[in-house]
Amino acid sequence: MPIMCEIVSQDRIVYQGEVDIVLIPGVEGELGILPNHSPLLTIVNYGVIATRKGKEEEYFTVAGGIAEVQPNKVTILADAAENVAEIDISRAEEARKRAEHLLTEDIESIGDDYLKFQSMLRRSMLRINAVKRYRSRLKLHS
């Protein structure tokens, strides 16, 4: 018996389907969610969500959010999320370089944008690392 999984970002439904297991990066460690899991509400950390149905696996980057777990459904409301298979690595590299450049400017001139630029760098690094780590796994299962 599978469990329904929805990953929703601020602008779209990133994933919706039945899976055997969902692995979620929680703030206190990785959570493995199986069908008939106890209800739970948790904060989602920066990281990679993995779903598995049979031998098929899918991976999604997530930049924070919350997850609601019910016995037959997992809903992840992400600040930002995307399927690793859809990440444009060259765009992620450009975003990393742009964020690094912005962070090397004089702190006085950055002002209130410092945290925004740090977040840009963190998200671009997450995307780059996810592609490097998980794309080869996706090809192995295809």
Protein backbone atom coordinates (compact mmCIF):
# COMPACT_ATOMS: atom_id res chain seq x y z
CA MET A 1 0.00 0.00 0.00
CA PRO A 2 1.69 3.26 -1.13
CA ILE A 3 1.50 6.71 0.42
CA MET A 4 0.51 9.86 -1.52
CA CYS A 5 3.27 12.47 -1.71
CA GLU A 6 2.95 16.11 -2.71
CA ILE A 7 5.85 18.54 -2.94
CA VAL A 8 4.62 22.08 -3.44
CA SER A 9 6.79 25.17 -3.92
CA GLN A 10 5.56 28.74 -3.78
CA ASP A 11 4.70 28.80 -7.48
CA ARG A 12 3.81 25.23 -8.49
CA ILE A 13 3.26 21.60 -7.65
CA VAL A 14 6.71 20.06 -8.06
CA TYR A 15 5.65 16.45 -7.51
CA GLN A 16 2.44 14.56 -6.88
CA GLY A 17 2.11 10.80 -6.83
CA GLU A 18 2.02 7.58 -4.85
CA VAL A 19 5.32 6.30 -3.44
CA ASP A 20 6.58 3.52 -1.18
CA ILE A 21 8.81 5.82 0.91
CA VAL A 22 9.68 9.52 1.22
CA LEU A 23 12.96 10.68 2.76
CA ILE A 24 12.80 14.25 4.05
CA PRO A 25 15.68 16.39 5.36
CA GLY A 26 14.37 17.50 8.74
CA VAL A 27 16.09 20.04 10.97
CA GLU A 28 17.08 17.26 13.39
CA GLY A 29 18.01 14.68 10.76
CA GLU A 30 16.53 12.71 7.88
CA LEU A 31 12.96 11.42 8.23
CA GLY A 32 11.85 8.22 6.49
CA ILE A 33 8.11 8.25 5.90
CA LEU A 34 6.31 5.00 5.07
CA PRO A 35 2.57 4.33 4.58
CA ASN A 36 0.58 4.42 7.85
CA HIS A 37 3.11 6.76 9.51
CA SER A 38 1.94 8.55 12.63
CA PRO A 39 0.72 12.11 12.02
CA LEU A 40 3.47 14.68 12.30
CA LEU A 41 4.26 18.29 11.43
CA THR A 42 7.93 19.22 11.03
CA ILE A 43 10.27 21.85 9.65
CA VAL A 44 12.11 20.89 6.47
CA ASN A 45 15.78 21.81 6.19
CA TYR A 46 17.82 22.64 3.08
CA GLY A 47 18.59 19.35 1.39
CA VAL A 48 17.30 16.65 -0.91
CA ILE A 49 13.96 14.86 -0.71
CA ALA A 50 14.05 11.32 -2.10
CA THR A 51 11.00 9.34 -3.19
CA ARG A 52 10.94 5.69 -4.14
CA LYS A 53 8.26 3.60 -5.80
CA GLY A 54 9.39 0.09 -6.59
CA LYS A 55 12.83 0.53 -8.18
CA GLU A 56 12.15 4.09 -9.38
CA GLU A 57 13.71 6.90 -7.40
CA GLU A 58 13.29 10.65 -7.79
CA TYR A 59 15.21 13.42 -6.05
CA PHE A 60 14.17 17.00 -5.32
CA THR A 61 16.14 19.88 -3.87
CA VAL A 62 14.30 21.74 -1.14
CA ALA A 63 15.25 25.07 0.40
CA GLY A 64 13.33 24.87 3.66
CA GLY A 65 9.63 24.63 4.40
CA ILE A 66 7.29 22.43 6.40
CA ALA A 67 6.05 18.86 6.02
CA GLU A 68 2.74 17.48 7.19
CA VAL A 69 2.55 13.71 7.50
CA GLN A 70 -0.73 11.82 7.71
CA PRO A 71 -1.05 8.02 7.60
CA ASN A 72 -1.89 8.07 3.88
CA LYS A 73 -0.39 11.38 2.67
CA VAL A 74 2.77 13.49 2.95
CA THR A 75 2.54 17.16 1.99
CA ILE A 76 5.72 19.23 1.78
CA LEU A 77 5.23 22.99 1.49
CA ALA A 78 8.66 24.15 0.37
CA ASP A 79 10.09 27.65 0.26
CA ALA A 80 11.71 26.48 -3.00
CA ALA A 81 11.90 23.02 -4.58
CA GLU A 82 12.76 21.43 -7.89
CA ASN A 83 13.34 18.03 -9.43
CA VAL A 84 17.08 17.30 -9.64
CA ALA A 85 16.54 15.91 -13.15
CA GLU A 86 15.31 19.36 -14.25
CA ILE A 87 18.14 21.46 -12.79
CA ASP A 88 20.12 23.45 -15.35
CA ILE A 89 23.66 23.00 -14.03
CA SER A 90 25.08 25.93 -16.02
CA ARG A 91 22.42 28.26 -14.58
CA ALA A 92 23.18 27.00 -11.07
CA GLU A 93 26.92 27.62 -11.63
CA GLU A 94 26.20 31.15 -12.86
CA ALA A 95 24.03 31.81 -9.80
CA ARG A 96 26.82 30.53 -7.53
CA LYS A 97 29.40 32.82 -9.19
CA ARG A 98 27.04 35.80 -9.02
CA ALA A 99 26.32 35.20 -5.30
CA GLU A 100 30.01 34.74 -4.50
CA HIS A 101 30.84 37.96 -6.33
CA LEU A 102 28.12 39.88 -4.50
CA LEU A 103 29.34 38.53 -1.14
CA THR A 104 32.92 39.66 -1.81
CA GLU A 105 31.84 43.28 -2.10
CA ASP A 106 32.42 45.65 0.79
CA ILE A 107 30.15 44.66 3.70
CA GLU A 108 29.08 48.29 4.09
CA SER A 109 27.78 48.41 0.51
CA ILE A 110 25.94 45.08 0.84
CA GLY A 111 24.06 46.16 3.95
CA ASP A 112 20.71 44.42 4.38
CA ASP A 113 21.22 42.25 1.28
CA TYR A 114 23.97 40.15 2.91
CA LEU A 115 21.57 37.42 4.10
CA LYS A 116 19.82 37.37 0.74
CA PHE A 117 23.14 36.85 -1.07
CA GLN A 118 24.14 34.14 1.42
CA SER A 119 20.84 32.37 0.76
CA MET A 120 21.43 32.63 -3.01
CA LEU A 121 24.86 31.03 -2.58
CA ARG A 122 23.52 28.27 -0.33
CA ARG A 123 20.70 27.39 -2.72
CA SER A 124 22.96 27.38 -5.80
CA MET A 125 25.45 25.11 -3.98
CA LEU A 126 22.59 22.78 -2.98
CA ARG A 127 21.47 22.54 -6.62
CA ILE A 128 25.01 21.93 -7.93
CA ASN A 129 25.80 19.28 -5.32
CA ALA A 130 22.46 17.52 -5.87
CA VAL A 131 23.10 17.27 -9.61
CA LYS A 132 26.60 15.89 -9.05
CA ARG A 133 25.41 13.35 -6.48
CA TYR A 134 22.02 12.20 -7.77
CA ARG A 135 21.97 12.53 -11.57
CA SER A 136 24.16 9.46 -11.97
CA ARG A 137 21.76 7.47 -9.77
CA LEU A 138 18.84 8.52 -11.96
CA LYS A 139 20.66 7.26 -15.06
CA LEU A 140 21.43 3.92 -13.37
CA HIS A 141 17.72 3.30 -12.69
CA SER A 142 16.55 4.32 -16.17
